[in-house]
Amino acid sequence: MVKTVNTSRSTQPLLSDRREQLTKHFFDQLKRPDSCIAHLMPLRRDISLTSNLRNARLYELPKARTARYAKSFVPYCVTHFT
């Protein structure tokens, strides 16, 4: 659901919604095997394992040693978009 801000000139989507949409688009491009930075993606999980889980993710969640890395792009996308 995209929320909009009413201004006197036009209706514009909220910055947070636009940022979320751009992040998802970039993550979808990153998942392609022909992407030049696809090696940054964590390993894909086995489909036989994920089919038996209630909250299945396609990718393993990378272990984060710091809170800064846990909030970075790849862990965020694995958590929210898979």
Protein backbone atom coordinates (compact mmCIF):
# COMPACT_ATOMS: atom_id res chain seq x y z
CA MET A 1 0.00 0.00 0.00
CA VAL A 2 1.53 3.29 -1.08
CA LYS A 3 0.71 6.26 1.07
CA THR A 4 0.71 9.69 -0.51
CA VAL A 5 1.36 13.18 0.68
CA ASN A 6 -1.06 15.85 -0.54
CA THR A 7 0.64 19.07 -1.47
CA SER A 8 -0.84 22.07 -3.17
CA ARG A 9 0.60 20.97 -6.54
CA SER A 10 0.25 17.18 -6.67
CA THR A 11 0.15 13.96 -4.71
CA GLN A 12 3.52 12.33 -4.16
CA PRO A 13 4.40 8.98 -2.59
CA LEU A 14 6.06 9.07 0.80
CA LEU A 15 9.83 8.90 0.84
CA SER A 16 9.79 5.73 2.96
CA ASP A 17 7.55 3.96 0.42
CA ARG A 18 9.75 5.04 -2.47
CA ARG A 19 12.87 3.91 -0.62
CA GLU A 20 11.29 0.53 0.09
CA GLN A 21 10.33 0.11 -3.57
CA LEU A 22 13.83 1.00 -4.79
CA THR A 23 15.44 -1.34 -2.26
CA LYS A 24 13.25 -4.24 -3.39
CA HIS A 25 14.01 -3.51 -7.05
CA PHE A 26 17.76 -3.45 -6.40
CA PHE A 27 17.55 -6.67 -4.37
CA ASP A 28 15.67 -8.38 -7.21
CA GLN A 29 18.46 -7.37 -9.57
CA LEU A 30 21.07 -8.59 -7.11
CA LYS A 31 19.49 -12.04 -6.92
CA ARG A 32 20.06 -12.69 -10.62
CA PRO A 33 23.10 -14.95 -11.21
CA ASP A 34 24.45 -12.71 -13.98
CA SER A 35 24.69 -9.74 -11.59
CA CYS A 36 28.24 -8.50 -11.03
CA ILE A 37 27.73 -8.46 -7.26
CA ALA A 38 25.73 -11.67 -6.93
CA HIS A 39 28.61 -13.18 -4.96
CA LEU A 40 27.61 -10.96 -2.02
CA MET A 41 24.37 -12.87 -1.58
CA PRO A 42 24.22 -15.54 1.13
CA LEU A 43 23.77 -19.17 0.14
CA ARG A 44 20.35 -20.34 -1.01
CA ARG A 45 18.66 -22.85 1.25
CA ASP A 46 17.63 -26.27 0.04
CA ILE A 47 14.04 -26.35 -1.20
CA SER A 48 13.35 -29.61 0.63
CA LEU A 49 14.26 -27.89 3.90
CA THR A 50 12.30 -24.70 3.31
CA SER A 51 9.14 -26.50 2.26
CA ASN A 52 8.84 -28.00 5.77
CA LEU A 53 9.36 -24.74 7.67
CA ARG A 54 6.62 -22.40 8.79
CA ASN A 55 8.57 -19.18 8.14
CA ALA A 56 10.80 -20.25 5.29
CA ARG A 57 13.41 -17.95 3.78
CA LEU A 58 15.08 -18.66 0.47
CA TYR A 59 18.46 -17.44 1.73
CA GLU A 60 20.36 -18.13 4.92
CA LEU A 61 20.41 -15.13 7.19
CA PRO A 62 24.04 -14.03 7.46
CA LYS A 63 25.48 -14.03 10.96
CA ALA A 64 26.13 -10.52 12.15
CA ARG A 65 28.88 -9.77 14.62
CA THR A 66 27.90 -6.14 14.90
CA ALA A 67 24.61 -4.29 15.05
CA ARG A 68 25.78 -2.07 12.21
CA TYR A 69 26.10 -5.04 9.83
CA ALA A 70 22.79 -6.49 11.03
CA LYS A 71 21.09 -3.30 9.82
CA SER A 72 22.88 -3.24 6.47
CA PHE A 73 21.45 -3.94 3.01
CA VAL A 74 21.84 -7.72 2.58
CA PRO A 75 20.51 -8.84 6.00
CA TYR A 76 17.66 -6.34 5.72
CA CYS A 77 16.63 -7.62 2.29
CA VAL A 78 16.92 -11.29 3.28
CA THR A 79 14.70 -10.62 6.27
CA HIS A 80 12.06 -8.49 4.53
CA PHE A 81 11.91 -9.58 0.87
CA THR A 82 12.31 -13.36 0.88
